[in-house]
Amino acid sequence: MRLIYHIFIAICFVSCSDNTEKIQPQEQELTEYVYASATIQPDSLYQVYAAVSGILDSNLAEEGDLVSKNQPIIQIINSTPKLNTQNSKLTLDLAKQNYNGSSAILRSIQDEIVAAQIKLNNDSVNYFRQKNLWKQQIGSKAEFDNSKLSYELASNSLKLLQSKYLRTKNELETAVKQAQNNYKTSLIATKDFTVKSKINGKLYALYKEPGEIVNTMEALASIGSKNNFIIELLVDEVDIVKIQVGKDLLMTLDAYKGEIFKGKVSKILPKKDERNQTFKVEAVFERPPKVLYPGLSGEANIIIAKKENVLTIPKAYLIDDNKVKTEKGLIKINKGLQNMDYVEIISGIDKDTYIYKPK
C-alpha cells in the first residue's frame, strides 16, 4: 500500500508540478503559542449565600451598586428564630434566678446546712458529756449509745448536705452556661437573616426578588472587585504542560473588534475539568480596556517560545505532518517551533529548496 501511495504522489507531482504553487522557505521571527478561549471576570468574584432559610424581605442594594465590607445587602425574614431567641432568654433568666435569685435553690440548702451544723454541735456536746460520764461509770450504757448514734447521724447528715450543695451548685452553674450559649446561638441565628458583603466591591447580580423563598443551597447575589478584572482561560490538556506562570499572552475581545490586548499568566489551576478536558488558567491585563463587564469573551494566544531568523514554511505545505513535496519528490523534514500558520525547519530542506503546495 505504501508503494502504491508513493507512486501516486510521484504521478501527481510529474503531472501537476507546473500548475502547483511553489515557494522557498523564508527566514523570519517565529513565535510559538498555545490557543485558549478567554472570559473576563472581576477579581475576588464570589457567590453570596444565606446562612439560614426564610423569605426574602428586601434587597437593600441594587445591581451595579458599590458595596463596602459588612454592608447589609439582603434582608430575610423568619419568625421561628425570633421565637427561639425569646425562649432562650426566658430559660437563661430562669437559670440565673435559680442560681442567684431570692428563691435560689442553693440558699435553701445553705439553710439546711446551718440547721444541720447547729444540731451537730448540740449532739456533739451531749455525746462527749455522756462519754465522759460513762468513763466514770455514771449514767447508763443506753444513754451513751443514743448520744453517740445521734452525733454520728448529725455528722453524716451535715456531710450529705454539704455534698448536695456542691453538686447542686455545679449543676446550676452548668445550666446558666448552657442557657447563655443557647441564647448567644439564637442571637447569631437572628443576625444571620441580614446578609452582608464580605468585601469592598461591586454588586454584579441579584438572583432573588422580595417574596421568594430563600435557602442555604441557592446563591442570592454575586459580588466582585469594582476595578480589578482577571482573564479566565481554558487550555486544552495537551497544551497545559507548556504553560508557566509569567508567560506573556495576546488576546482579542469580541466587544473590542480589531484591538489586541497584552497580558501575563498569573495562576494555573491544577484540577482538570472532566467535562471538556481543559484546565483553567488565570491571567492579568498589562493595560486593560477602559470598560469591562463580567462575562466578556474572546480568544488568547499564550506565548510559549520565540526565535529570530529561523527557517520557516507555511503549514499548508506539509504532507503527513512531516513531509514536503520538492522537485526531487517527497522529503522528510524535522520540525521545531510552530504556530497556527508556520513551522520551523530544523533539517531536511534549506532556503534554496522549492516546495510545492499539496492539492
Protein backbone atom coordinates (compact mmCIF):
# COMPACT_ATOMS: atom_id res chain seq x y z
CA MET A 1 0.00 0.00 0.00
CA ARG A 2 2.85 2.42 0.83
CA LEU A 3 4.41 1.69 -2.60
CA ILE A 4 1.14 2.49 -4.35
CA TYR A 5 0.85 5.69 -2.28
CA HIS A 6 4.32 6.92 -3.28
CA ILE A 7 3.73 6.03 -6.94
CA PHE A 8 0.50 8.04 -6.82
CA ILE A 9 2.30 11.03 -5.28
CA ALA A 10 5.04 10.82 -7.91
CA ILE A 11 2.50 10.74 -10.77
CA CYS A 12 0.70 13.71 -9.30
CA PHE A 13 3.97 15.55 -8.91
CA VAL A 14 5.02 14.97 -12.55
CA SER A 15 1.62 15.85 -13.96
CA CYS A 16 0.80 18.80 -11.73
CA SER A 17 4.08 20.42 -10.70
CA ASP A 18 3.87 23.02 -13.39
CA ASN A 19 0.45 24.20 -12.17
CA THR A 20 1.12 23.92 -8.43
CA GLU A 21 2.13 26.82 -6.18
CA LYS A 22 5.75 26.64 -5.17
CA ILE A 23 7.74 28.66 -2.66
CA GLN A 24 11.07 28.65 -0.91
CA PRO A 25 11.50 28.58 2.89
CA GLN A 26 11.76 32.03 4.46
CA GLU A 27 13.81 33.25 7.41
CA GLN A 28 11.70 35.17 9.91
CA GLU A 29 10.89 35.57 13.58
CA LEU A 30 8.69 32.71 14.75
CA THR A 31 6.54 32.69 17.83
CA GLU A 32 5.01 29.50 19.24
CA TYR A 33 1.86 29.94 21.24
CA VAL A 34 -1.00 28.00 22.83
CA TYR A 35 -4.57 28.89 21.95
CA ALA A 36 -7.13 29.43 24.72
CA SER A 37 -10.68 30.70 24.93
CA ALA A 38 -10.98 33.69 27.26
CA THR A 39 -13.64 35.09 29.58
CA ILE A 40 -13.39 38.25 31.66
CA GLN A 41 -14.35 38.09 35.34
CA PRO A 42 -13.98 40.55 38.25
CA ASP A 43 -11.21 39.73 40.69
CA SER A 44 -12.39 38.24 44.03
CA LEU A 45 -15.75 37.37 42.48
CA TYR A 46 -17.88 35.22 44.79
CA GLN A 47 -21.42 33.96 45.10
CA VAL A 48 -23.43 35.20 48.09
CA TYR A 49 -25.36 32.58 50.08
CA ALA A 50 -27.66 32.84 53.07
CA ALA A 51 -26.77 31.07 56.32
CA VAL A 52 -30.46 30.45 57.07
CA SER A 53 -33.70 29.73 55.25
CA GLY A 54 -36.69 32.01 55.04
CA ILE A 55 -38.45 34.55 52.83
CA LEU A 56 -36.55 37.34 51.09
CA ASP A 57 -37.95 40.51 52.63
CA SER A 58 -35.98 43.09 50.64
CA ASN A 59 -32.85 43.67 48.60
CA LEU A 60 -31.03 46.50 50.36
CA ALA A 61 -28.84 47.33 47.33
CA GLU A 62 -29.29 47.28 43.57
CA GLU A 63 -27.30 45.61 40.81
CA GLY A 64 -24.37 47.82 39.86
CA ASP A 65 -24.13 49.46 43.31
CA LEU A 66 -20.78 49.78 45.04
CA VAL A 67 -20.80 47.99 48.40
CA SER A 68 -18.44 48.08 51.36
CA LYS A 69 -17.34 45.25 53.63
CA ASN A 70 -20.07 44.22 56.14
CA GLN A 71 -22.68 46.36 54.38
CA PRO A 72 -26.16 44.74 54.53
CA ILE A 73 -27.36 43.82 51.05
CA ILE A 74 -30.25 41.38 51.60
CA GLN A 75 -32.81 41.03 54.40
CA ILE A 76 -34.51 37.70 55.10
CA ILE A 77 -37.46 37.16 57.46
CA ASN A 78 -38.47 34.12 59.50
CA SER A 79 -40.40 34.18 62.78
CA THR A 80 -39.02 30.90 64.13
CA PRO A 81 -35.55 32.19 65.12
CA LYS A 82 -37.08 35.18 66.93
CA LEU A 83 -39.32 32.88 68.96
CA ASN A 84 -36.32 30.64 69.70
CA THR A 85 -34.40 33.69 70.89
CA GLN A 86 -37.22 34.70 73.22
CA ASN A 87 -37.48 31.19 74.63
CA SER A 88 -33.71 31.04 75.12
CA LYS A 89 -33.83 34.35 77.01
CA LEU A 90 -36.55 33.06 79.31
CA THR A 91 -34.55 29.90 80.01
CA LEU A 92 -31.44 31.98 80.76
CA ASP A 93 -33.34 34.26 83.16
CA LEU A 94 -34.76 31.25 85.00
CA ALA A 95 -31.34 29.63 85.27
CA LYS A 96 -29.85 32.83 86.70
CA GLN A 97 -32.74 33.19 89.16
CA ASN A 98 -32.26 29.63 90.40
CA TYR A 99 -28.58 30.32 90.88
CA ASN A 100 -28.56 33.86 92.26
CA GLY A 101 -32.17 34.90 92.96
CA SER A 102 -34.03 35.38 96.24
CA SER A 103 -35.64 31.97 95.87
CA ALA A 104 -32.39 30.31 94.88
CA ILE A 105 -32.15 26.58 95.41
CA LEU A 106 -28.67 26.97 96.90
CA ARG A 107 -29.97 29.28 99.61
CA SER A 108 -32.45 26.68 100.86
CA ILE A 109 -29.67 24.09 101.00
CA GLN A 110 -27.48 26.57 102.90
CA ASP A 111 -30.28 26.97 105.45
CA GLU A 112 -30.43 23.19 105.83
CA ILE A 113 -26.65 23.11 106.31
CA VAL A 114 -26.86 25.77 109.08
CA ALA A 115 -29.59 23.78 110.87
CA ALA A 116 -27.59 20.57 110.49
CA GLN A 117 -24.47 22.30 111.86
CA ILE A 118 -26.41 23.50 114.95
CA LYS A 119 -27.82 20.03 115.51
CA LEU A 120 -24.34 18.52 115.13
CA ASN A 121 -22.95 20.94 117.68
CA ASN A 122 -25.67 20.04 120.20
CA ASP A 123 -25.33 16.33 119.58
CA SER A 124 -21.55 16.65 119.84
CA VAL A 125 -21.77 18.36 123.26
CA ASN A 126 -24.23 15.74 124.52
CA TYR A 127 -22.15 12.86 123.13
CA PHE A 128 -18.85 13.94 124.72
CA ARG A 129 -20.59 14.66 128.06
CA GLN A 130 -22.14 11.18 128.06
CA LYS A 131 -18.80 9.74 127.04
CA ASN A 132 -17.01 11.35 130.00
CA LEU A 133 -19.75 10.26 132.39
CA TRP A 134 -19.62 6.70 131.08
CA LYS A 135 -15.85 6.61 131.67
CA GLN A 136 -16.65 7.41 135.30
CA GLN A 137 -19.32 4.73 135.30
CA ILE A 138 -22.00 7.39 135.69
CA GLY A 139 -25.25 7.06 133.79
CA SER A 140 -26.47 4.18 131.64
CA LYS A 141 -24.95 2.50 128.60
CA ALA A 142 -28.17 3.13 126.65
CA GLU A 143 -27.91 6.90 127.13
CA PHE A 144 -24.29 6.82 125.98
CA ASP A 145 -25.16 4.74 122.86
CA ASN A 146 -28.07 7.03 121.97
CA SER A 147 -25.94 10.16 122.24
CA LYS A 148 -23.23 8.54 120.11
CA LEU A 149 -25.74 7.48 117.45
CA SER A 150 -27.30 10.97 117.33
CA TYR A 151 -23.84 12.53 116.97
CA GLU A 152 -22.87 10.21 114.09
CA LEU A 153 -26.20 10.72 112.29
CA ALA A 154 -25.89 14.52 112.60
CA SER A 155 -22.32 14.39 111.29
CA ASN A 156 -23.33 12.27 108.28
CA SER A 157 -26.35 14.47 107.59
CA LEU A 158 -24.13 17.57 107.52
CA LYS A 159 -21.68 15.89 105.12
CA LEU A 160 -24.52 14.86 102.82
CA LEU A 161 -25.95 18.38 102.76
CA GLN A 162 -22.52 19.87 102.03
CA SER A 163 -22.06 17.40 99.15
CA LYS A 164 -25.55 18.19 97.89
CA TYR A 165 -24.71 21.90 97.99
CA LEU A 166 -21.57 21.46 95.86
CA ARG A 167 -23.32 19.16 93.39
CA THR A 168 -26.32 21.49 93.05
CA LYS A 169 -24.04 24.50 92.66
CA ASN A 170 -22.17 22.81 89.77
CA GLU A 171 -25.43 21.78 88.12
CA LEU A 172 -26.86 25.30 88.36
CA GLU A 173 -23.65 26.86 87.04
CA THR A 174 -23.71 24.46 84.10
CA ALA A 175 -27.37 25.27 83.46
CA VAL A 176 -26.58 29.00 83.39
CA LYS A 177 -23.66 28.50 80.97
CA GLN A 178 -25.75 26.29 78.69
CA ALA A 179 -28.59 28.82 78.70
CA GLN A 180 -26.12 31.61 77.89
CA ASN A 181 -24.69 29.62 74.97
CA ASN A 182 -28.15 28.81 73.64
CA TYR A 183 -29.14 32.45 73.88
CA LYS A 184 -25.97 33.59 72.08
CA THR A 185 -26.57 30.99 69.36
CA SER A 186 -30.14 32.16 68.86
CA LEU A 187 -28.93 35.76 68.62
CA ILE A 188 -26.39 34.77 65.95
CA ALA A 189 -29.10 32.95 64.02
CA THR A 190 -31.24 36.09 64.17
CA LYS A 191 -28.36 38.22 62.85
CA ASP A 192 -27.79 35.73 60.01
CA PHE A 193 -31.06 36.92 58.50
CA THR A 194 -29.22 40.04 57.34
CA VAL A 195 -26.84 39.04 54.53
CA LYS A 196 -23.76 41.29 54.32
CA SER A 197 -20.99 41.85 51.80
CA LYS A 198 -17.66 40.20 52.62
CA ILE A 199 -15.55 42.65 50.57
CA ASN A 200 -15.36 46.20 49.27
CA GLY A 201 -16.56 45.82 45.71
CA LYS A 202 -19.49 45.91 43.32
CA LEU A 203 -22.83 44.11 43.35
CA TYR A 204 -22.95 42.49 39.92
CA ALA A 205 -26.10 40.39 40.20
CA LEU A 206 -29.15 39.69 42.37
CA TYR A 207 -30.82 36.33 41.81
CA LYS A 208 -33.89 36.60 44.06
CA GLU A 209 -36.80 39.03 44.33
CA PRO A 210 -38.70 40.01 47.52
CA GLY A 211 -41.23 37.35 48.48
CA GLU A 212 -39.25 34.43 47.08
CA ILE A 213 -38.18 31.51 49.24
CA VAL A 214 -34.51 31.55 50.31
CA ASN A 215 -32.45 28.52 51.30
CA THR A 216 -28.80 27.83 52.02
CA MET A 217 -28.21 25.97 48.72
CA GLU A 218 -29.02 28.73 46.19
CA ALA A 219 -26.90 31.82 45.55
CA LEU A 220 -28.61 35.15 46.25
CA ALA A 221 -26.13 37.55 44.66
CA SER A 222 -22.73 37.95 43.01
CA ILE A 223 -20.11 40.40 44.30
CA GLY A 224 -16.62 41.13 43.00
CA SER A 225 -13.96 43.78 42.61
CA LYS A 226 -15.01 47.10 41.11
CA ASN A 227 -11.89 47.86 39.05
CA ASN A 228 -9.70 44.75 39.01
CA PHE A 229 -10.52 42.11 36.40
CA ILE A 230 -8.87 38.81 35.59
CA ILE A 231 -8.77 36.79 32.38
CA GLU A 232 -10.03 33.22 32.74
CA LEU A 233 -8.51 30.97 30.08
CA LEU A 234 -9.50 27.42 29.16
CA VAL A 235 -6.46 25.49 27.92
CA ASP A 236 -6.59 22.03 26.33
CA GLU A 237 -4.94 19.29 28.37
CA VAL A 238 -2.41 18.57 25.59
CA ASP A 239 -1.08 22.13 25.90
CA ILE A 240 -1.22 22.78 29.66
CA VAL A 241 2.27 21.37 30.32
CA LYS A 242 3.78 24.04 28.06
CA ILE A 243 2.41 26.94 30.11
CA GLN A 244 4.14 28.59 33.05
CA VAL A 245 3.22 31.45 35.36
CA GLY A 246 4.63 34.69 33.97
CA LYS A 247 4.20 33.80 30.29
CA ASP A 248 3.00 36.64 28.06
CA LEU A 249 -0.18 36.46 26.03
CA LEU A 250 -2.02 38.35 23.34
CA MET A 251 -5.79 38.39 23.29
CA THR A 252 -8.77 39.81 21.45
CA LEU A 253 -12.23 40.52 22.84
CA ASP A 254 -15.44 40.26 20.85
CA ALA A 255 -16.53 43.60 22.30
CA TYR A 256 -13.37 45.34 21.02
CA LYS A 257 -13.07 44.33 17.38
CA GLY A 258 -9.61 44.78 15.88
CA GLU A 259 -7.88 45.58 19.18
CA ILE A 260 -5.19 43.36 20.72
CA PHE A 261 -4.54 43.37 24.46
CA LYS A 262 -1.44 42.14 26.25
CA GLY A 263 -1.48 40.12 29.44
CA LYS A 264 0.51 37.77 31.63
CA VAL A 265 -0.30 34.37 33.13
CA SER A 266 -0.80 34.74 36.91
CA LYS A 267 -2.13 31.37 38.04
CA ILE A 268 -2.56 27.81 36.76
CA LEU A 269 -5.33 25.85 38.46
CA PRO A 270 -4.26 22.19 38.77
CA LYS A 271 -7.66 20.47 38.52
CA LYS A 272 -8.87 19.37 35.10
CA ASP A 273 -12.46 19.89 34.06
CA GLU A 274 -13.51 16.38 33.05
CA ARG A 275 -16.47 17.66 31.03
CA ASN A 276 -14.43 19.48 28.40
CA GLN A 277 -10.92 18.15 29.14
CA THR A 278 -9.48 21.60 29.84
CA PHE A 279 -7.57 23.35 32.59
CA LYS A 280 -8.36 26.83 33.88
CA VAL A 281 -5.59 29.40 33.72
CA GLU A 282 -5.83 32.94 35.10
CA ALA A 283 -4.08 35.98 33.63
CA VAL A 284 -3.98 39.72 34.24
CA PHE A 285 -4.08 42.60 31.77
CA GLU A 286 -0.99 44.66 31.09
CA ARG A 287 -3.25 47.56 30.13
CA PRO A 288 -6.94 46.70 30.42
CA PRO A 289 -9.66 48.38 28.35
CA LYS A 290 -11.41 51.32 29.96
CA VAL A 291 -14.73 49.47 30.22
CA LEU A 292 -15.06 45.79 31.18
CA TYR A 293 -18.04 43.66 32.19
CA PRO A 294 -18.19 40.17 33.68
CA GLY A 295 -18.60 37.51 31.02
CA LEU A 296 -16.99 39.34 28.08
CA SER A 297 -15.47 36.66 25.85
CA GLY A 298 -12.60 36.44 23.45
CA GLU A 299 -9.57 34.44 22.36
CA ALA A 300 -5.99 34.41 23.58
CA ASN A 301 -2.62 33.15 22.43
CA ILE A 302 -0.22 32.31 25.26
CA ILE A 303 3.35 32.78 24.01
CA ILE A 304 5.44 29.69 24.73
CA ALA A 305 8.67 30.43 22.84
CA LYS A 306 10.10 32.93 20.37
CA LYS A 307 13.02 32.70 17.93
CA GLU A 308 14.52 35.14 15.43
CA ASN A 309 15.87 34.36 11.95
CA VAL A 310 14.56 30.80 11.78
CA LEU A 311 13.83 28.95 8.54
CA THR A 312 10.07 28.52 8.17
CA ILE A 313 7.45 27.28 5.74
CA PRO A 314 3.67 27.62 5.85
CA LYS A 315 1.90 24.67 7.47
CA ALA A 316 -0.30 24.41 4.39
CA TYR A 317 2.71 22.95 2.52
CA LEU A 318 3.15 19.99 4.89
CA ILE A 319 2.22 16.46 3.84
CA ASP A 320 1.55 13.85 6.54
CA ASP A 321 2.69 16.46 9.08
CA ASN A 322 6.45 15.89 8.44
CA LYS A 323 6.99 15.78 4.66
CA VAL A 324 7.13 18.32 1.84
CA LYS A 325 6.93 17.93 -1.93
CA THR A 326 10.04 19.11 -3.75
CA GLU A 327 11.45 18.81 -7.26
CA LYS A 328 13.12 15.61 -6.07
CA GLY A 329 9.93 14.15 -4.65
CA LEU A 330 8.76 13.82 -1.05
CA ILE A 331 11.35 14.75 1.57
CA LYS A 332 11.01 14.20 5.28
CA ILE A 333 11.77 17.22 7.49
CA ASN A 334 12.47 17.79 11.16
CA LYS A 335 10.31 20.49 12.74
CA GLY A 336 10.99 22.95 15.55
CA LEU A 337 8.75 25.75 16.78
CA GLN A 338 5.36 26.14 15.19
CA ASN A 339 2.25 28.23 15.39
CA MET A 340 -1.09 28.20 13.61
CA ASP A 341 0.44 29.29 10.29
CA TYR A 342 4.15 28.49 10.16
CA VAL A 343 6.57 25.77 11.23
CA GLU A 344 10.33 25.93 11.83
CA ILE A 345 12.52 23.72 9.61
CA ILE A 346 15.39 22.12 11.54
CA SER A 347 16.66 19.86 8.76
CA GLY A 348 15.60 18.16 5.51
CA ILE A 349 15.49 21.21 3.22
CA ASP A 350 17.22 24.59 3.04
CA LYS A 351 16.27 28.10 1.99
CA ASP A 352 17.09 27.35 -1.67
CA THR A 353 14.71 24.39 -1.88
CA TYR A 354 11.47 24.87 -3.80
CA ILE A 355 8.48 23.17 -2.22
CA TYR A 356 5.05 22.62 -3.74
CA LYS A 357 1.69 23.12 -2.11
CA PRO A 358 -0.27 19.87 -2.00
CA LYS A 359 -3.71 19.79 -3.51
